[in-house]
Amino acid sequence: MSSKWRYGATFGFNHPISVELLTGKFSAELEIGRGAQYIEKVKDCAVKDLFGEPDAYATEMIAKAWHGAPYSGPSMVKAIKDLQQSTRYVPSPRLDEICTYVREHIPDIR
């Protein structure tokens, strides 16, 4: 089977993410466009602390940074870091954990 088929290079697909963090939970559904190059939509994005309370800052940063970003772990992390630097930076352990997760679990397929 070719790598193009395995990674959805021909057809668009959805990539659901749901992960327990040391500092809370993160879930989202990424809509990956045809060719598996870019994230077209970030749907149902939710970052919550250990008590289930929403982390609005981390949720907003992910939704903004990943919309239109290249679909690869390193590129997704870079998109978040670039957005943090261009806006009022707020330290976020949950956002740091999400960046680590993405870097380790979403390959650089480009």
C-alpha atoms as a PDB file:
ATOM      1  CA  MET A   1       0.000   0.000   0.000  1.00  0.00           C
ATOM      2  CA  SER A   2       1.425   3.370  -0.914  1.00  0.00           C
ATOM      3  CA  SER A   3       2.092   6.071   1.686  1.00  0.00           C
ATOM      4  CA  LYS A   4      -0.304   8.338  -0.235  1.00  0.00           C
ATOM      5  CA  TRP A   5      -3.179   5.998   0.498  1.00  0.00           C
ATOM      6  CA  ARG A   6      -2.175   5.347   4.102  1.00  0.00           C
ATOM      7  CA  TYR A   7      -2.047   9.039   4.965  1.00  0.00           C
ATOM      8  CA  GLY A   8      -5.055  10.095   2.914  1.00  0.00           C
ATOM      9  CA  ALA A   9      -3.128  12.033   0.282  1.00  0.00           C
ATOM     10  CA  THR A  10      -5.958  11.517  -2.193  1.00  0.00           C
ATOM     11  CA  PHE A  11      -9.065  12.020  -0.081  1.00  0.00           C
ATOM     12  CA  GLY A  12      -9.881  14.423   2.739  1.00  0.00           C
ATOM     13  CA  PHE A  13     -10.499  12.893   6.148  1.00  0.00           C
ATOM     14  CA  ASN A  14     -11.252  13.735   9.762  1.00  0.00           C
ATOM     15  CA  HIS A  15      -8.747  13.217  12.556  1.00  0.00           C
ATOM     16  CA  PRO A  16     -10.427  13.042  15.980  1.00  0.00           C
ATOM     17  CA  ILE A  17      -8.160  13.743  18.945  1.00  0.00           C
ATOM     18  CA  SER A  18      -9.064  13.003  22.541  1.00  0.00           C
ATOM     19  CA  VAL A  19      -6.305  12.916  25.106  1.00  0.00           C
ATOM     20  CA  GLU A  20      -5.985  12.978  28.878  1.00  0.00           C
ATOM     21  CA  LEU A  21      -3.300  15.444  29.956  1.00  0.00           C
ATOM     22  CA  LEU A  22      -1.511  15.738  33.273  1.00  0.00           C
ATOM     23  CA  THR A  23      -3.294  19.083  33.699  1.00  0.00           C
ATOM     24  CA  GLY A  24      -6.667  18.293  32.109  1.00  0.00           C
ATOM     25  CA  LYS A  25      -8.220  17.063  28.862  1.00  0.00           C
ATOM     26  CA  PHE A  26      -8.093  18.021  25.195  1.00  0.00           C
ATOM     27  CA  SER A  27     -10.389  16.996  22.376  1.00  0.00           C
ATOM     28  CA  ALA A  28     -10.979  18.204  18.843  1.00  0.00           C
ATOM     29  CA  GLU A  29     -11.830  16.952  15.401  1.00  0.00           C
ATOM     30  CA  LEU A  30      -9.539  18.136  12.637  1.00  0.00           C
ATOM     31  CA  GLU A  31     -10.987  18.226   9.136  1.00  0.00           C
ATOM     32  CA  ILE A  32      -8.079  17.546   6.805  1.00  0.00           C
ATOM     33  CA  GLY A  33      -8.547  18.634   3.214  1.00  0.00           C
ATOM     34  CA  ARG A  34      -8.026  16.692   0.028  1.00  0.00           C
ATOM     35  CA  GLY A  35      -4.360  15.881  -0.369  1.00  0.00           C
ATOM     36  CA  ALA A  36      -3.764  15.688   3.412  1.00  0.00           C
ATOM     37  CA  GLN A  37      -1.806  18.927   3.353  1.00  0.00           C
ATOM     38  CA  TYR A  38      -3.783  21.433   5.445  1.00  0.00           C
ATOM     39  CA  ILE A  39      -6.285  21.559   8.286  1.00  0.00           C
ATOM     40  CA  GLU A  40      -9.466  22.997   6.803  1.00  0.00           C
ATOM     41  CA  LYS A  41     -11.483  23.133  10.038  1.00  0.00           C
ATOM     42  CA  VAL A  42     -10.992  22.590  13.754  1.00  0.00           C
ATOM     43  CA  LYS A  43     -14.324  21.314  15.064  1.00  0.00           C
ATOM     44  CA  ASP A  44     -15.521  20.698  18.608  1.00  0.00           C
ATOM     45  CA  CYS A  45     -12.275  21.949  20.131  1.00  0.00           C
ATOM     46  CA  ALA A  46     -12.281  21.758  23.932  1.00  0.00           C
ATOM     47  CA  VAL A  47      -9.506  22.133  26.475  1.00  0.00           C
ATOM     48  CA  LYS A  48     -10.475  21.571  30.104  1.00  0.00           C
ATOM     49  CA  ASP A  49      -8.647  21.646  33.416  1.00  0.00           C
ATOM     50  CA  LEU A  50      -8.601  18.780  35.925  1.00  0.00           C
ATOM     51  CA  PHE A  51     -11.983  19.870  37.316  1.00  0.00           C
ATOM     52  CA  GLY A  52     -13.659  19.932  33.891  1.00  0.00           C
ATOM     53  CA  GLU A  53     -13.633  23.718  33.655  1.00  0.00           C
ATOM     54  CA  PRO A  54     -12.988  25.112  30.155  1.00  0.00           C
ATOM     55  CA  ASP A  55      -9.608  26.653  29.373  1.00  0.00           C
ATOM     56  CA  ALA A  56     -10.805  29.388  27.022  1.00  0.00           C
ATOM     57  CA  TYR A  57      -7.310  30.681  26.237  1.00  0.00           C
ATOM     58  CA  ALA A  58      -5.918  27.297  25.127  1.00  0.00           C
ATOM     59  CA  THR A  59      -9.094  26.444  23.193  1.00  0.00           C
ATOM     60  CA  GLU A  60      -9.029  29.760  21.335  1.00  0.00           C
ATOM     61  CA  MET A  61      -5.306  29.505  20.548  1.00  0.00           C
ATOM     62  CA  ILE A  62      -5.684  26.010  19.066  1.00  0.00           C
ATOM     63  CA  ALA A  63      -8.763  26.872  17.007  1.00  0.00           C
ATOM     64  CA  LYS A  64      -7.115  30.001  15.563  1.00  0.00           C
ATOM     65  CA  ALA A  65      -3.612  28.591  15.075  1.00  0.00           C
ATOM     66  CA  TRP A  66      -4.567  25.311  13.429  1.00  0.00           C
ATOM     67  CA  HIS A  67      -7.216  26.623  11.020  1.00  0.00           C
ATOM     68  CA  GLY A  68      -5.429  26.513   7.657  1.00  0.00           C
ATOM     69  CA  ALA A  69      -2.173  25.217   9.167  1.00  0.00           C
ATOM     70  CA  PRO A  70      -0.178  22.441   7.506  1.00  0.00           C
ATOM     71  CA  TYR A  71      -1.193  19.013   8.792  1.00  0.00           C
ATOM     72  CA  SER A  72       2.020  17.915  10.481  1.00  0.00           C
ATOM     73  CA  GLY A  73       3.015  17.826  14.145  1.00  0.00           C
ATOM     74  CA  PRO A  74       5.956  20.256  13.847  1.00  0.00           C
ATOM     75  CA  SER A  75       3.917  22.710  11.743  1.00  0.00           C
ATOM     76  CA  MET A  76       0.976  22.616  14.151  1.00  0.00           C
ATOM     77  CA  VAL A  77       3.263  23.334  17.120  1.00  0.00           C
ATOM     78  CA  LYS A  78       4.918  26.183  15.200  1.00  0.00           C
ATOM     79  CA  ALA A  79       1.489  27.671  14.381  1.00  0.00           C
ATOM     80  CA  ILE A  80       0.610  27.790  18.089  1.00  0.00           C
ATOM     81  CA  LYS A  81       3.976  29.273  19.105  1.00  0.00           C
ATOM     82  CA  ASP A  82       3.791  31.896  16.329  1.00  0.00           C
ATOM     83  CA  LEU A  83       0.288  32.934  17.394  1.00  0.00           C
ATOM     84  CA  GLN A  84       1.358  33.133  21.044  1.00  0.00           C
ATOM     85  CA  GLN A  85       4.219  35.462  20.092  1.00  0.00           C
ATOM     86  CA  SER A  86       1.989  37.699  17.990  1.00  0.00           C
ATOM     87  CA  THR A  87      -0.650  38.081  20.721  1.00  0.00           C
ATOM     88  CA  ARG A  88      -0.630  38.644  24.451  1.00  0.00           C
ATOM     89  CA  TYR A  89       1.276  35.580  25.652  1.00  0.00           C
ATOM     90  CA  VAL A  90      -0.232  33.755  28.608  1.00  0.00           C
ATOM     91  CA  PRO A  91       1.717  30.776  30.006  1.00  0.00           C
ATOM     92  CA  SER A  92      -0.409  27.661  29.591  1.00  0.00           C
ATOM     93  CA  PRO A  93       0.790  24.265  30.844  1.00  0.00           C
ATOM     94  CA  ARG A  94      -2.123  22.572  29.043  1.00  0.00           C
ATOM     95  CA  LEU A  95      -1.164  24.204  25.748  1.00  0.00           C
ATOM     96  CA  ASP A  96       2.429  23.081  26.262  1.00  0.00           C
ATOM     97  CA  GLU A  97       1.236  19.510  26.890  1.00  0.00           C
ATOM     98  CA  ILE A  98      -0.929  19.598  23.768  1.00  0.00           C
ATOM     99  CA  CYS A  99       2.068  20.780  21.727  1.00  0.00           C
ATOM    100  CA  THR A 100       4.115  17.869  23.080  1.00  0.00           C
ATOM    101  CA  TYR A 101       1.337  15.401  22.265  1.00  0.00           C
ATOM    102  CA  VAL A 102       0.930  16.729  18.714  1.00  0.00           C
ATOM    103  CA  ARG A 103       4.688  16.724  18.087  1.00  0.00           C
ATOM    104  CA  GLU A 104       4.877  13.077  19.177  1.00  0.00           C
ATOM    105  CA  HIS A 105       1.669  11.719  17.582  1.00  0.00           C
ATOM    106  CA  ILE A 106       1.098  13.562  14.313  1.00  0.00           C
ATOM    107  CA  PRO A 107       3.813  12.747  11.799  1.00  0.00           C
ATOM    108  CA  ASP A 108       5.431  15.207   9.440  1.00  0.00           C
ATOM    109  CA  ILE A 109       4.113  13.606   6.251  1.00  0.00           C
ATOM    110  CA  ARG A 110       4.888  16.444   3.883  1.00  0.00           C
END
